[in-house]
Amino acid sequence: MKVLLVQPPIQDFYETDLRLQPIGLCYLKAAARRYHPDVEVQVLDAHQGHGRRTISVPQELEYLKRYYGFRDRTPFSTFHNYYHFGMDFEELVERVLVARPDVIGISALFSPYFREVVKIASLVKKVLPQCDVLLGGSHVSAMKGEILELYNDVDYIIVGEGERAFCEFLSFKKGLCSIESVSGLGYRSQGRVHLNEVQPTYDLDEMEMPDFSDLNLSDYRVGTKPMSFLISSRSCPHKCSFCSVHLTFGNRYRRRTVQSILEEIELRYRQGVRVVDFEDDNLTFYTAAHKFGDIALMKRFEVSSD
């Protein structure tokens, strides 16, 4: 079985340069490598490292033109031109045809960029109709009740954290378990949409580190220094009504041990990384119960910098 995991290109007035590494997809690849070593999984970052080109402003945003009628060349001008950031859809389709996956998983993290996700799903179905299209990410978790009802080119969705669900989905595709047993899976059956109950994913310290082997790490930089994402916890201990983090990561706040975090930092340093970007939803939450043990570990960890 072949699986292609895709971080889509985006279309917008601007992008945030530093927050582009598809760490979630790399976690999925690492989990599959552990539990399904016979499955070929490839991560394709179709966003970072492929430049940008100017495109027409979409019709629904045409009303903004009257506010940005004059070209502003200052660093703060972010709304004059509209861009396609990343790989062209035509090239993306060519890459899919070369890979010929049995399953294509598309990351749908952000609601404003869901149009690009749907377009990729549609293009894939046109060239590889037998390929299963699987969506996951924050937007999917927030809109789980609508996606399979509205978009026929999407075959499956995963709600919540993906590692356990993805591996169970692969087990289902291999005929090793029933579709009803796959955690957080959404699918159609007999004309109806079904959503399986979300189960907790694997323990954070027992997970494999994200597998970045398909990425060109030189594409992710802070200035001239290679950068890598790192997650030291998931979810958040607070329950703010405006925040959607719990729709994806649940209500249970979990932290990795300092030891496992340091091991990952050491690994990335050996791989050439010189900047670590912590992508936690709440990095600074700290309790007295962990304080002294964590400090003792941190004191013995030193990384030189070039």
C-alpha atoms as a PDB file:
ATOM      1  CA  MET A   1       0.000   0.000   0.000  1.00  0.00           C
ATOM      2  CA  LYS A   2       1.212   3.505  -0.845  1.00  0.00           C
ATOM      3  CA  VAL A   3       0.171   6.621   1.064  1.00  0.00           C
ATOM      4  CA  LEU A   4       0.929  10.211   0.108  1.00  0.00           C
ATOM      5  CA  LEU A   5       0.500  12.839   2.837  1.00  0.00           C
ATOM      6  CA  VAL A   6       0.211  16.369   1.462  1.00  0.00           C
ATOM      7  CA  GLN A   7       0.576  19.812   2.969  1.00  0.00           C
ATOM      8  CA  PRO A   8      -1.310  21.934   0.411  1.00  0.00           C
ATOM      9  CA  PRO A   9      -0.256  25.220  -1.157  1.00  0.00           C
ATOM     10  CA  ILE A  10      -2.246  28.224   0.016  1.00  0.00           C
ATOM     11  CA  GLN A  11      -3.670  31.339  -1.632  1.00  0.00           C
ATOM     12  CA  ASP A  12      -3.707  34.574   0.318  1.00  0.00           C
ATOM     13  CA  PHE A  13      -2.438  38.148   0.473  1.00  0.00           C
ATOM     14  CA  TYR A  14       0.489  37.061   2.648  1.00  0.00           C
ATOM     15  CA  GLU A  15       1.841  34.063   4.542  1.00  0.00           C
ATOM     16  CA  THR A  16       3.581  33.505   7.866  1.00  0.00           C
ATOM     17  CA  ASP A  17       7.070  32.376   6.887  1.00  0.00           C
ATOM     18  CA  LEU A  18       8.040  30.602  10.102  1.00  0.00           C
ATOM     19  CA  ARG A  19       5.052  28.320  10.709  1.00  0.00           C
ATOM     20  CA  LEU A  20       5.111  26.038   7.712  1.00  0.00           C
ATOM     21  CA  GLN A  21       6.776  22.754   8.635  1.00  0.00           C
ATOM     22  CA  PRO A  22       4.199  19.911   8.361  1.00  0.00           C
ATOM     23  CA  ILE A  23       5.054  18.335  11.706  1.00  0.00           C
ATOM     24  CA  GLY A  24       1.649  16.674  12.031  1.00  0.00           C
ATOM     25  CA  LEU A  25       2.107  14.747   8.779  1.00  0.00           C
ATOM     26  CA  CYS A  26       5.615  13.781   9.868  1.00  0.00           C
ATOM     27  CA  TYR A  27       4.189  12.390  13.120  1.00  0.00           C
ATOM     28  CA  LEU A  28       1.805  10.284  11.035  1.00  0.00           C
ATOM     29  CA  LYS A  29       4.647   8.929   8.899  1.00  0.00           C
ATOM     30  CA  ALA A  30       6.646   8.043  12.007  1.00  0.00           C
ATOM     31  CA  ALA A  31       3.659   6.221  13.538  1.00  0.00           C
ATOM     32  CA  ALA A  32       3.061   4.261  10.332  1.00  0.00           C
ATOM     33  CA  ARG A  33       6.735   3.340  10.135  1.00  0.00           C
ATOM     34  CA  ARG A  34       6.428   1.792  13.597  1.00  0.00           C
ATOM     35  CA  TYR A  35       3.067   0.018  13.334  1.00  0.00           C
ATOM     36  CA  HIS A  36       2.854  -0.591   9.568  1.00  0.00           C
ATOM     37  CA  PRO A  37       6.421  -0.907   8.253  1.00  0.00           C
ATOM     38  CA  ASP A  38       5.078  -2.592   5.120  1.00  0.00           C
ATOM     39  CA  VAL A  39       3.168   0.563   4.102  1.00  0.00           C
ATOM     40  CA  GLU A  40       5.060   3.100   1.987  1.00  0.00           C
ATOM     41  CA  VAL A  41       4.319   6.584   3.346  1.00  0.00           C
ATOM     42  CA  GLN A  42       5.628   9.768   1.733  1.00  0.00           C
ATOM     43  CA  VAL A  43       5.207  13.342   2.973  1.00  0.00           C
ATOM     44  CA  LEU A  44       4.906  16.006   0.273  1.00  0.00           C
ATOM     45  CA  ASP A  45       5.179  19.617   1.404  1.00  0.00           C
ATOM     46  CA  ALA A  46       3.570  21.447  -1.503  1.00  0.00           C
ATOM     47  CA  HIS A  47       3.701  24.757   0.336  1.00  0.00           C
ATOM     48  CA  GLN A  48       7.170  25.634   1.581  1.00  0.00           C
ATOM     49  CA  GLY A  49      10.127  25.856  -0.770  1.00  0.00           C
ATOM     50  CA  HIS A  50       8.132  26.410  -3.972  1.00  0.00           C
ATOM     51  CA  GLY A  51       7.983  30.203  -4.138  1.00  0.00           C
ATOM     52  CA  ARG A  52       4.952  32.322  -4.915  1.00  0.00           C
ATOM     53  CA  ARG A  53       3.195  33.835  -7.901  1.00  0.00           C
ATOM     54  CA  THR A  54       0.647  36.616  -8.200  1.00  0.00           C
ATOM     55  CA  ILE A  55      -2.909  35.517  -8.998  1.00  0.00           C
ATOM     56  CA  SER A  56      -6.275  37.237  -9.283  1.00  0.00           C
ATOM     57  CA  VAL A  57      -8.148  38.172  -6.140  1.00  0.00           C
ATOM     58  CA  PRO A  58     -11.038  35.703  -5.701  1.00  0.00           C
ATOM     59  CA  GLN A  59     -14.509  37.069  -6.307  1.00  0.00           C
ATOM     60  CA  GLU A  60     -15.539  36.892  -2.659  1.00  0.00           C
ATOM     61  CA  LEU A  61     -12.671  39.246  -1.758  1.00  0.00           C
ATOM     62  CA  GLU A  62     -13.135  41.726  -4.605  1.00  0.00           C
ATOM     63  CA  TYR A  63     -14.670  44.241  -2.207  1.00  0.00           C
ATOM     64  CA  LEU A  64     -11.234  44.763  -0.619  1.00  0.00           C
ATOM     65  CA  LYS A  65      -9.746  46.363  -3.748  1.00  0.00           C
ATOM     66  CA  ARG A  66     -11.148  49.803  -2.991  1.00  0.00           C
ATOM     67  CA  TYR A  67      -9.233  49.813   0.304  1.00  0.00           C
ATOM     68  CA  TYR A  68      -5.897  48.948  -1.317  1.00  0.00           C
ATOM     69  CA  GLY A  69      -6.002  50.905  -4.559  1.00  0.00           C
ATOM     70  CA  PHE A  70      -2.429  52.201  -4.368  1.00  0.00           C
ATOM     71  CA  ARG A  71       0.732  50.152  -4.169  1.00  0.00           C
ATOM     72  CA  ASP A  72       2.364  50.490  -0.777  1.00  0.00           C
ATOM     73  CA  ARG A  73       6.013  49.409  -0.901  1.00  0.00           C
ATOM     74  CA  THR A  74       6.594  49.531   2.854  1.00  0.00           C
ATOM     75  CA  PRO A  75       7.291  46.278   4.789  1.00  0.00           C
ATOM     76  CA  PHE A  76       3.817  46.606   6.286  1.00  0.00           C
ATOM     77  CA  SER A  77       2.000  46.330   2.959  1.00  0.00           C
ATOM     78  CA  THR A  78       0.437  42.858   2.937  1.00  0.00           C
ATOM     79  CA  PHE A  79      -2.863  43.328   1.119  1.00  0.00           C
ATOM     80  CA  HIS A  80      -2.055  44.787  -2.286  1.00  0.00           C
ATOM     81  CA  ASN A  81      -1.377  41.601  -4.267  1.00  0.00           C
ATOM     82  CA  TYR A  82      -2.954  38.177  -3.955  1.00  0.00           C
ATOM     83  CA  TYR A  83      -0.624  35.193  -4.234  1.00  0.00           C
ATOM     84  CA  HIS A  84      -0.432  31.452  -4.713  1.00  0.00           C
ATOM     85  CA  PHE A  85       2.166  30.249  -2.194  1.00  0.00           C
ATOM     86  CA  GLY A  86       3.662  26.885  -3.032  1.00  0.00           C
ATOM     87  CA  MET A  87       3.540  24.266  -5.747  1.00  0.00           C
ATOM     88  CA  ASP A  88       1.206  24.850  -8.704  1.00  0.00           C
ATOM     89  CA  PHE A  89      -1.787  22.549  -8.731  1.00  0.00           C
ATOM     90  CA  GLU A  90      -0.668  21.171 -12.093  1.00  0.00           C
ATOM     91  CA  GLU A  91       2.719  20.153 -10.702  1.00  0.00           C
ATOM     92  CA  LEU A  92       1.035  18.707  -7.625  1.00  0.00           C
ATOM     93  CA  VAL A  93      -1.153  16.516  -9.826  1.00  0.00           C
ATOM     94  CA  GLU A  94       1.949  15.342 -11.701  1.00  0.00           C
ATOM     95  CA  ARG A  95       3.593  14.396  -8.408  1.00  0.00           C
ATOM     96  CA  VAL A  96       0.486  12.446  -7.423  1.00  0.00           C
ATOM     97  CA  LEU A  97       0.501  10.598 -10.743  1.00  0.00           C
ATOM     98  CA  VAL A  98       4.163   9.672 -10.269  1.00  0.00           C
ATOM     99  CA  ALA A  99       3.538   8.424  -6.723  1.00  0.00           C
ATOM    100  CA  ARG A 100       0.245   6.675  -7.633  1.00  0.00           C
ATOM    101  CA  PRO A 101      -0.855   6.335  -4.001  1.00  0.00           C
ATOM    102  CA  ASP A 102      -3.668   4.114  -2.796  1.00  0.00           C
ATOM    103  CA  VAL A 103      -4.492   6.771  -0.189  1.00  0.00           C
ATOM    104  CA  ILE A 104      -3.809  10.495  -0.265  1.00  0.00           C
ATOM    105  CA  GLY A 105      -4.046  12.280   3.076  1.00  0.00           C
ATOM    106  CA  ILE A 106      -4.448  16.048   2.913  1.00  0.00           C
ATOM    107  CA  SER A 107      -3.801  18.336   5.860  1.00  0.00           C
ATOM    108  CA  ALA A 108      -6.645  20.813   6.462  1.00  0.00           C
ATOM    109  CA  LEU A 109      -5.361  22.887   9.339  1.00  0.00           C
ATOM    110  CA  PHE A 110      -6.840  26.291   8.590  1.00  0.00           C
ATOM    111  CA  SER A 111     -10.393  27.172   7.607  1.00  0.00           C
ATOM    112  CA  PRO A 112      -9.402  30.050   5.249  1.00  0.00           C
ATOM    113  CA  TYR A 113      -7.394  27.580   3.140  1.00  0.00           C
ATOM    114  CA  PHE A 114      -9.939  24.787   2.920  1.00  0.00           C
ATOM    115  CA  ARG A 115     -10.744  25.746  -0.681  1.00  0.00           C
ATOM    116  CA  GLU A 116      -7.266  24.619  -1.689  1.00  0.00           C
ATOM    117  CA  VAL A 117      -7.768  21.295   0.113  1.00  0.00           C
ATOM    118  CA  VAL A 118     -11.066  20.670  -1.686  1.00  0.00           C
ATOM    119  CA  LYS A 119      -9.494  21.554  -5.042  1.00  0.00           C
ATOM    120  CA  ILE A 120      -6.692  19.032  -4.518  1.00  0.00           C
ATOM    121  CA  ALA A 121      -9.242  16.358  -3.560  1.00  0.00           C
ATOM    122  CA  SER A 122     -11.176  17.064  -6.758  1.00  0.00           C
ATOM    123  CA  LEU A 123      -8.067  16.992  -8.965  1.00  0.00           C
ATOM    124  CA  VAL A 124      -6.893  13.734  -7.411  1.00  0.00           C
ATOM    125  CA  LYS A 125     -10.251  12.072  -8.036  1.00  0.00           C
ATOM    126  CA  LYS A 126     -10.146  13.126 -11.694  1.00  0.00           C
ATOM    127  CA  VAL A 127      -6.759  11.536 -12.365  1.00  0.00           C
ATOM    128  CA  LEU A 128      -6.865   8.673  -9.830  1.00  0.00           C
ATOM    129  CA  PRO A 129     -10.525   7.910  -9.125  1.00  0.00           C
ATOM    130  CA  GLN A 130      -9.648   4.728  -7.226  1.00  0.00           C
ATOM    131  CA  CYS A 131      -7.424   6.624  -4.762  1.00  0.00           C
ATOM    132  CA  ASP A 132      -9.006   7.198  -1.331  1.00  0.00           C
ATOM    133  CA  VAL A 133      -8.950  10.842  -0.204  1.00  0.00           C
ATOM    134  CA  LEU A 134      -8.498  11.242   3.549  1.00  0.00           C
ATOM    135  CA  LEU A 135      -8.649  14.620   5.314  1.00  0.00           C
ATOM    136  CA  GLY A 136      -7.484  15.530   8.796  1.00  0.00           C
ATOM    137  CA  GLY A 137      -6.537  18.623  10.765  1.00  0.00           C
ATOM    138  CA  SER A 138      -8.084  21.361  12.854  1.00  0.00           C
ATOM    139  CA  HIS A 139     -10.626  22.479  10.256  1.00  0.00           C
ATOM    140  CA  VAL A 140     -11.842  18.913   9.855  1.00  0.00           C
ATOM    141  CA  SER A 141     -12.253  18.498  13.616  1.00  0.00           C
ATOM    142  CA  ALA A 142     -14.213  21.745  13.791  1.00  0.00           C
ATOM    143  CA  MET A 143     -16.467  21.028  10.797  1.00  0.00           C
ATOM    144  CA  LYS A 144     -16.728  17.244  10.959  1.00  0.00           C
ATOM    145  CA  GLY A 145     -20.495  17.209  10.508  1.00  0.00           C
ATOM    146  CA  GLU A 146     -20.421  18.971   7.145  1.00  0.00           C
ATOM    147  CA  ILE A 147     -17.384  17.857   5.153  1.00  0.00           C
ATOM    148  CA  LEU A 148     -18.566  14.422   4.051  1.00  0.00           C
ATOM    149  CA  GLU A 149     -22.049  15.764   3.377  1.00  0.00           C
ATOM    150  CA  LEU A 150     -20.857  18.606   1.154  1.00  0.00           C
ATOM    151  CA  TYR A 151     -17.757  17.290  -0.635  1.00  0.00           C
ATOM    152  CA  ASN A 152     -18.167  14.081  -2.610  1.00  0.00           C
ATOM    153  CA  ASP A 153     -14.473  13.923  -3.529  1.00  0.00           C
ATOM    154  CA  VAL A 154     -13.583  13.336   0.132  1.00  0.00           C
ATOM    155  CA  ASP A 155     -13.872   9.663   1.109  1.00  0.00           C
ATOM    156  CA  TYR A 156     -12.792   9.744   4.755  1.00  0.00           C
ATOM    157  CA  ILE A 157     -12.000  12.207   7.523  1.00  0.00           C
ATOM    158  CA  ILE A 158     -10.113  11.810  10.782  1.00  0.00           C
ATOM    159  CA  VAL A 159     -11.344  13.840  13.748  1.00  0.00           C
ATOM    160  CA  GLY A 160      -8.961  14.685  16.582  1.00  0.00           C
ATOM    161  CA  GLU A 161      -5.334  13.625  16.900  1.00  0.00           C
ATOM    162  CA  GLY A 162      -4.205  11.517  14.007  1.00  0.00           C
ATOM    163  CA  GLU A 163      -1.504   9.024  14.986  1.00  0.00           C
ATOM    164  CA  ARG A 164      -3.636   6.223  16.416  1.00  0.00           C
ATOM    165  CA  ALA A 165      -6.515   6.906  14.027  1.00  0.00           C
ATOM    166  CA  PHE A 166      -4.223   6.878  10.989  1.00  0.00           C
ATOM    167  CA  CYS A 167      -2.620   3.585  11.962  1.00  0.00           C
ATOM    168  CA  GLU A 168      -6.031   2.036  12.657  1.00  0.00           C
ATOM    169  CA  PHE A 169      -7.219   3.327   9.283  1.00  0.00           C
ATOM    170  CA  LEU A 170      -4.289   1.547   7.619  1.00  0.00           C
ATOM    171  CA  SER A 171      -5.253  -1.609   9.504  1.00  0.00           C
ATOM    172  CA  PHE A 172      -8.788  -1.258   8.141  1.00  0.00           C
ATOM    173  CA  LYS A 173      -7.482  -0.792   4.589  1.00  0.00           C
ATOM    174  CA  LYS A 174      -5.409  -3.954   5.007  1.00  0.00           C
ATOM    175  CA  GLY A 175      -8.465  -5.891   6.184  1.00  0.00           C
ATOM    176  CA  LEU A 176      -7.203  -6.298   9.736  1.00  0.00           C
ATOM    177  CA  CYS A 177     -10.068  -4.521  11.520  1.00  0.00           C
ATOM    178  CA  SER A 178     -13.553  -3.164  10.875  1.00  0.00           C
ATOM    179  CA  ILE A 179     -14.206   0.379   9.768  1.00  0.00           C
ATOM    180  CA  GLU A 180     -16.334   0.924  12.875  1.00  0.00           C
ATOM    181  CA  SER A 181     -13.308   0.340  15.125  1.00  0.00           C
ATOM    182  CA  VAL A 182     -11.150   3.134  13.682  1.00  0.00           C
ATOM    183  CA  SER A 183     -10.882   5.990  16.175  1.00  0.00           C
ATOM    184  CA  GLY A 184     -12.382   9.293  15.021  1.00  0.00           C
ATOM    185  CA  LEU A 185     -13.001   8.122  11.459  1.00  0.00           C
ATOM    186  CA  GLY A 186     -15.753   9.689   9.395  1.00  0.00           C
ATOM    187  CA  TYR A 187     -17.095   7.833   6.353  1.00  0.00           C
ATOM    188  CA  ARG A 188     -20.210   7.203   4.272  1.00  0.00           C
ATOM    189  CA  SER A 189     -22.193   3.993   4.396  1.00  0.00           C
ATOM    190  CA  GLN A 190     -25.593   3.229   2.869  1.00  0.00           C
ATOM    191  CA  GLY A 191     -26.148   6.875   2.024  1.00  0.00           C
ATOM    192  CA  ARG A 192     -25.414   8.140   5.520  1.00  0.00           C
ATOM    193  CA  VAL A 193     -22.421   9.816   7.149  1.00  0.00           C
ATOM    194  CA  HIS A 194     -20.979   7.949  10.121  1.00  0.00           C
ATOM    195  CA  LEU A 195     -18.581   9.381  12.697  1.00  0.00           C
ATOM    196  CA  ASN A 196     -16.752   6.965  14.992  1.00  0.00           C
ATOM    197  CA  GLU A 197     -16.025   7.880  18.585  1.00  0.00           C
ATOM    198  CA  VAL A 198     -12.666   9.569  19.130  1.00  0.00           C
ATOM    199  CA  GLN A 199     -10.279   7.572  21.309  1.00  0.00           C
ATOM    200  CA  PRO A 200      -7.110   8.905  22.985  1.00  0.00           C
ATOM    201  CA  THR A 201      -4.017   8.705  20.823  1.00  0.00           C
ATOM    202  CA  TYR A 202      -0.741   7.116  21.889  1.00  0.00           C
ATOM    203  CA  ASP A 203       1.149   8.360  24.946  1.00  0.00           C
ATOM    204  CA  LEU A 204       3.307  11.327  23.915  1.00  0.00           C
ATOM    205  CA  ASP A 205       6.535   9.857  25.284  1.00  0.00           C
ATOM    206  CA  GLU A 206       5.891   6.546  23.534  1.00  0.00           C
ATOM    207  CA  MET A 207       5.427   8.140  20.118  1.00  0.00           C
ATOM    208  CA  GLU A 208       8.117   8.061  17.507  1.00  0.00           C
ATOM    209  CA  MET A 209       9.710  11.444  16.835  1.00  0.00           C
ATOM    210  CA  PRO A 210       8.397  13.161  13.688  1.00  0.00           C
ATOM    211  CA  ASP A 211       9.952  11.723  10.548  1.00  0.00           C
ATOM    212  CA  PHE A 212      11.303  14.655   8.517  1.00  0.00           C
ATOM    213  CA  SER A 213      13.159  12.442   6.036  1.00  0.00           C
ATOM    214  CA  ASP A 214      11.023  13.548   3.057  1.00  0.00           C
ATOM    215  CA  LEU A 215      11.607  17.241   3.739  1.00  0.00           C
ATOM    216  CA  ASN A 216      14.455  19.464   2.668  1.00  0.00           C
ATOM    217  CA  LEU A 217      15.337  20.943   6.054  1.00  0.00           C
ATOM    218  CA  SER A 218      17.090  23.868   4.373  1.00  0.00           C
ATOM    219  CA  ASP A 219      13.628  25.100   3.314  1.00  0.00           C
ATOM    220  CA  TYR A 220      12.760  25.882   6.938  1.00  0.00           C
ATOM    221  CA  ARG A 221      14.885  28.669   8.346  1.00  0.00           C
ATOM    222  CA  VAL A 222      14.980  31.562  10.750  1.00  0.00           C
ATOM    223  CA  GLY A 223      17.240  33.978   8.933  1.00  0.00           C
ATOM    224  CA  THR A 224      20.066  31.740   7.732  1.00  0.00           C
ATOM    225  CA  LYS A 225      19.713  29.118  10.467  1.00  0.00           C
ATOM    226  CA  PRO A 226      17.901  25.813   9.808  1.00  0.00           C
ATOM    227  CA  MET A 227      14.771  25.529  11.948  1.00  0.00           C
ATOM    228  CA  SER A 228      12.701  22.621  13.184  1.00  0.00           C
ATOM    229  CA  PHE A 229       9.311  22.438  14.880  1.00  0.00           C
ATOM    230  CA  LEU A 230       8.984  20.663  18.221  1.00  0.00           C
ATOM    231  CA  ILE A 231       5.928  19.880  20.333  1.00  0.00           C
ATOM    232  CA  SER A 232       6.432  19.383  24.069  1.00  0.00           C
ATOM    233  CA  SER A 233       2.753  19.166  25.048  1.00  0.00           C
ATOM    234  CA  ARG A 234      -0.712  18.859  23.574  1.00  0.00           C
ATOM    235  CA  SER A 235      -3.996  20.582  24.317  1.00  0.00           C
ATOM    236  CA  CYS A 236      -4.284  23.244  27.015  1.00  0.00           C
ATOM    237  CA  PRO A 237      -5.257  23.219  30.718  1.00  0.00           C
ATOM    238  CA  HIS A 238      -7.544  26.207  30.215  1.00  0.00           C
ATOM    239  CA  LYS A 239     -11.036  26.056  28.759  1.00  0.00           C
ATOM    240  CA  CYS A 240     -11.341  29.396  26.950  1.00  0.00           C
ATOM    241  CA  SER A 241     -14.628  29.577  25.064  1.00  0.00           C
ATOM    242  CA  PHE A 242     -13.081  31.271  22.012  1.00  0.00           C
ATOM    243  CA  CYS A 243     -10.378  28.642  21.458  1.00  0.00           C
ATOM    244  CA  SER A 244     -10.752  25.634  19.159  1.00  0.00           C
ATOM    245  CA  VAL A 245      -7.722  23.654  20.362  1.00  0.00           C
ATOM    246  CA  HIS A 246      -9.859  21.211  22.345  1.00  0.00           C
ATOM    247  CA  LEU A 247     -11.776  20.208  19.228  1.00  0.00           C
ATOM    248  CA  THR A 248      -8.587  18.615  17.931  1.00  0.00           C
ATOM    249  CA  PHE A 249      -6.572  17.692  21.010  1.00  0.00           C
ATOM    250  CA  GLY A 250      -9.325  17.073  23.540  1.00  0.00           C
ATOM    251  CA  ASN A 251      -9.635  18.447  27.056  1.00  0.00           C
ATOM    252  CA  ARG A 252      -6.759  16.508  28.609  1.00  0.00           C
ATOM    253  CA  TYR A 253      -3.551  18.554  28.779  1.00  0.00           C
ATOM    254  CA  ARG A 254      -0.510  16.299  28.353  1.00  0.00           C
ATOM    255  CA  ARG A 255       3.193  17.042  28.638  1.00  0.00           C
ATOM    256  CA  ARG A 256       6.180  15.138  27.373  1.00  0.00           C
ATOM    257  CA  THR A 257       8.999  14.435  29.793  1.00  0.00           C
ATOM    258  CA  VAL A 258      11.926  16.816  29.646  1.00  0.00           C
ATOM    259  CA  GLN A 259      14.164  13.856  28.876  1.00  0.00           C
ATOM    260  CA  SER A 260      12.279  13.036  25.668  1.00  0.00           C
ATOM    261  CA  ILE A 261      12.289  16.693  24.624  1.00  0.00           C
ATOM    262  CA  LEU A 262      16.039  16.973  25.104  1.00  0.00           C
ATOM    263  CA  GLU A 263      16.600  13.789  23.124  1.00  0.00           C
ATOM    264  CA  GLU A 264      14.653  15.250  20.215  1.00  0.00           C
ATOM    265  CA  ILE A 265      16.549  18.549  20.377  1.00  0.00           C
ATOM    266  CA  GLU A 266      19.841  16.636  20.355  1.00  0.00           C
ATOM    267  CA  LEU A 267      18.681  14.625  17.327  1.00  0.00           C
ATOM    268  CA  ARG A 268      17.695  17.741  15.388  1.00  0.00           C
ATOM    269  CA  TYR A 269      20.995  19.397  16.259  1.00  0.00           C
ATOM    270  CA  ARG A 270      22.887  16.410  14.838  1.00  0.00           C
ATOM    271  CA  GLN A 271      20.750  16.784  11.703  1.00  0.00           C
ATOM    272  CA  GLY A 272      21.906  20.385  11.310  1.00  0.00           C
ATOM    273  CA  VAL A 273      19.035  22.260  12.969  1.00  0.00           C
ATOM    274  CA  ARG A 274      20.055  25.378  14.907  1.00  0.00           C
ATOM    275  CA  VAL A 275      16.658  26.889  15.826  1.00  0.00           C
ATOM    276  CA  VAL A 276      13.875  25.004  17.607  1.00  0.00           C
ATOM    277  CA  ASP A 277      10.350  26.399  17.254  1.00  0.00           C
ATOM    278  CA  PHE A 278       8.044  25.140  20.023  1.00  0.00           C
ATOM    279  CA  GLU A 279       4.554  24.797  18.561  1.00  0.00           C
ATOM    280  CA  ASP A 280       2.683  24.035  21.791  1.00  0.00           C
ATOM    281  CA  ASP A 281      -0.755  25.512  22.357  1.00  0.00           C
ATOM    282  CA  ASN A 282       0.376  26.368  25.884  1.00  0.00           C
ATOM    283  CA  LEU A 283       4.138  26.263  26.305  1.00  0.00           C
ATOM    284  CA  THR A 284       4.456  28.232  29.534  1.00  0.00           C
ATOM    285  CA  PHE A 285       1.972  26.393  31.739  1.00  0.00           C
ATOM    286  CA  TYR A 286       4.064  25.072  34.621  1.00  0.00           C
ATOM    287  CA  THR A 287       3.276  23.347  37.922  1.00  0.00           C
ATOM    288  CA  ALA A 288       5.316  23.154  41.096  1.00  0.00           C
ATOM    289  CA  ALA A 289       5.154  19.347  41.042  1.00  0.00           C
ATOM    290  CA  HIS A 290       7.445  19.233  38.001  1.00  0.00           C
ATOM    291  CA  LYS A 291       9.616  22.248  38.730  1.00  0.00           C
ATOM    292  CA  PHE A 292      12.710  20.915  40.451  1.00  0.00           C
ATOM    293  CA  GLY A 293      13.091  17.695  38.470  1.00  0.00           C
ATOM    294  CA  ASP A 294      12.775  19.579  35.195  1.00  0.00           C
ATOM    295  CA  ILE A 295      15.318  22.213  36.204  1.00  0.00           C
ATOM    296  CA  ALA A 296      17.825  19.514  37.147  1.00  0.00           C
ATOM    297  CA  LEU A 297      17.529  17.963  33.694  1.00  0.00           C
ATOM    298  CA  MET A 298      17.755  21.292  31.927  1.00  0.00           C
ATOM    299  CA  LYS A 299      20.956  22.258  33.733  1.00  0.00           C
ATOM    300  CA  ARG A 300      22.848  19.319  32.291  1.00  0.00           C
ATOM    301  CA  PHE A 301      21.745  20.073  28.734  1.00  0.00           C
ATOM    302  CA  GLU A 302      23.859  22.479  26.717  1.00  0.00           C
ATOM    303  CA  VAL A 303      23.903  23.049  22.989  1.00  0.00           C
ATOM    304  CA  SER A 304      26.634  25.130  21.414  1.00  0.00           C
ATOM    305  CA  SER A 305      25.676  27.526  18.656  1.00  0.00           C
ATOM    306  CA  ASP A 306      27.552  28.421  15.528  1.00  0.00           C
END
